[in-house]
Amino acid sequence: MSDEERIRLETEKLRAEITKLIAETGQVKMSTLLAPFLAAAGVIGATAAIVKLMFP
């Protein structure tokens, strides 16, 4: 394998890794954004269920 082929393969591998990291970063950002809203929705839902049980 020539040096040019090796460099080309390593470059392609790095590009694939970068693409994967960018996708994972997007998922982390989305999870970070949604987590507080989902937690709040859970608390509100649980509170509503408890209130409904206590005051039928």
C-alpha atoms as a PDB file:
ATOM      1  CA  MET A   1       0.000   0.000   0.000  1.00  0.00           C
ATOM      2  CA  SER A   2       1.439   3.340  -0.996  1.00  0.00           C
ATOM      3  CA  ASP A   3       1.619   6.329   1.309  1.00  0.00           C
ATOM      4  CA  GLU A   4      -1.081   8.110  -0.696  1.00  0.00           C
ATOM      5  CA  GLU A   5      -3.506   5.195  -0.324  1.00  0.00           C
ATOM      6  CA  ARG A   6      -2.790   4.942   3.400  1.00  0.00           C
ATOM      7  CA  ILE A   7      -3.344   8.681   3.872  1.00  0.00           C
ATOM      8  CA  ARG A   8      -6.575   8.541   1.848  1.00  0.00           C
ATOM      9  CA  LEU A   9      -7.884   5.636   3.945  1.00  0.00           C
ATOM     10  CA  GLU A  10      -6.963   7.361   7.192  1.00  0.00           C
ATOM     11  CA  THR A  11      -8.662  10.551   5.988  1.00  0.00           C
ATOM     12  CA  GLU A  12     -11.844   8.649   5.130  1.00  0.00           C
ATOM     13  CA  LYS A  13     -11.777   6.974   8.546  1.00  0.00           C
ATOM     14  CA  LEU A  14     -11.379  10.332  10.294  1.00  0.00           C
ATOM     15  CA  ARG A  15     -14.234  11.827   8.276  1.00  0.00           C
ATOM     16  CA  ALA A  16     -16.483   8.932   9.289  1.00  0.00           C
ATOM     17  CA  GLU A  17     -15.541   9.383  12.942  1.00  0.00           C
ATOM     18  CA  ILE A  18     -16.199  13.126  12.755  1.00  0.00           C
ATOM     19  CA  THR A  19     -19.600  12.518  11.168  1.00  0.00           C
ATOM     20  CA  LYS A  20     -20.446  10.052  13.943  1.00  0.00           C
ATOM     21  CA  LEU A  21     -19.367  12.517  16.639  1.00  0.00           C
ATOM     22  CA  ILE A  22     -21.441  15.302  15.087  1.00  0.00           C
ATOM     23  CA  ALA A  23     -24.511  13.037  15.089  1.00  0.00           C
ATOM     24  CA  GLU A  24     -23.907  12.026  18.718  1.00  0.00           C
ATOM     25  CA  THR A  25     -23.488  15.678  19.700  1.00  0.00           C
ATOM     26  CA  GLY A  26     -26.886  16.454  18.174  1.00  0.00           C
ATOM     27  CA  GLN A  27     -28.461  13.646  20.179  1.00  0.00           C
ATOM     28  CA  VAL A  28     -26.870  14.875  23.415  1.00  0.00           C
ATOM     29  CA  LYS A  29     -28.082  18.421  22.752  1.00  0.00           C
ATOM     30  CA  MET A  30     -31.611  17.157  22.122  1.00  0.00           C
ATOM     31  CA  SER A  31     -31.582  15.027  25.279  1.00  0.00           C
ATOM     32  CA  THR A  32     -30.283  17.933  27.327  1.00  0.00           C
ATOM     33  CA  LEU A  33     -33.012  20.157  25.949  1.00  0.00           C
ATOM     34  CA  LEU A  34     -35.865  17.699  26.445  1.00  0.00           C
ATOM     35  CA  ALA A  35     -34.946  16.224  29.843  1.00  0.00           C
ATOM     36  CA  PRO A  36     -36.236  19.122  32.002  1.00  0.00           C
ATOM     37  CA  PHE A  37     -39.502  19.303  30.058  1.00  0.00           C
ATOM     38  CA  LEU A  38     -40.073  15.560  30.339  1.00  0.00           C
ATOM     39  CA  ALA A  39     -39.315  15.643  34.068  1.00  0.00           C
ATOM     40  CA  ALA A  40     -41.751  18.514  34.558  1.00  0.00           C
ATOM     41  CA  ALA A  41     -44.428  16.693  32.575  1.00  0.00           C
ATOM     42  CA  GLY A  42     -43.926  13.623  34.763  1.00  0.00           C
ATOM     43  CA  VAL A  43     -44.252  15.640  37.964  1.00  0.00           C
ATOM     44  CA  ILE A  44     -47.376  17.388  36.682  1.00  0.00           C
ATOM     45  CA  GLY A  45     -48.900  14.079  35.628  1.00  0.00           C
ATOM     46  CA  ALA A  46     -48.131  12.446  38.962  1.00  0.00           C
ATOM     47  CA  THR A  47     -49.559  15.420  40.844  1.00  0.00           C
ATOM     48  CA  ALA A  48     -52.725  15.327  38.751  1.00  0.00           C
ATOM     49  CA  ALA A  49     -53.126  11.599  39.418  1.00  0.00           C
ATOM     50  CA  ILE A  50     -52.702  12.050  43.174  1.00  0.00           C
ATOM     51  CA  VAL A  51     -55.142  14.971  43.261  1.00  0.00           C
ATOM     52  CA  LYS A  52     -57.657  12.954  41.263  1.00  0.00           C
ATOM     53  CA  LEU A  53     -57.374  10.075  43.756  1.00  0.00           C
ATOM     54  CA  MET A  54     -57.807  12.331  46.767  1.00  0.00           C
ATOM     55  CA  PHE A  55     -60.661  14.406  45.357  1.00  0.00           C
ATOM     56  CA  PRO A  56     -62.819  12.117  43.229  1.00  0.00           C
END
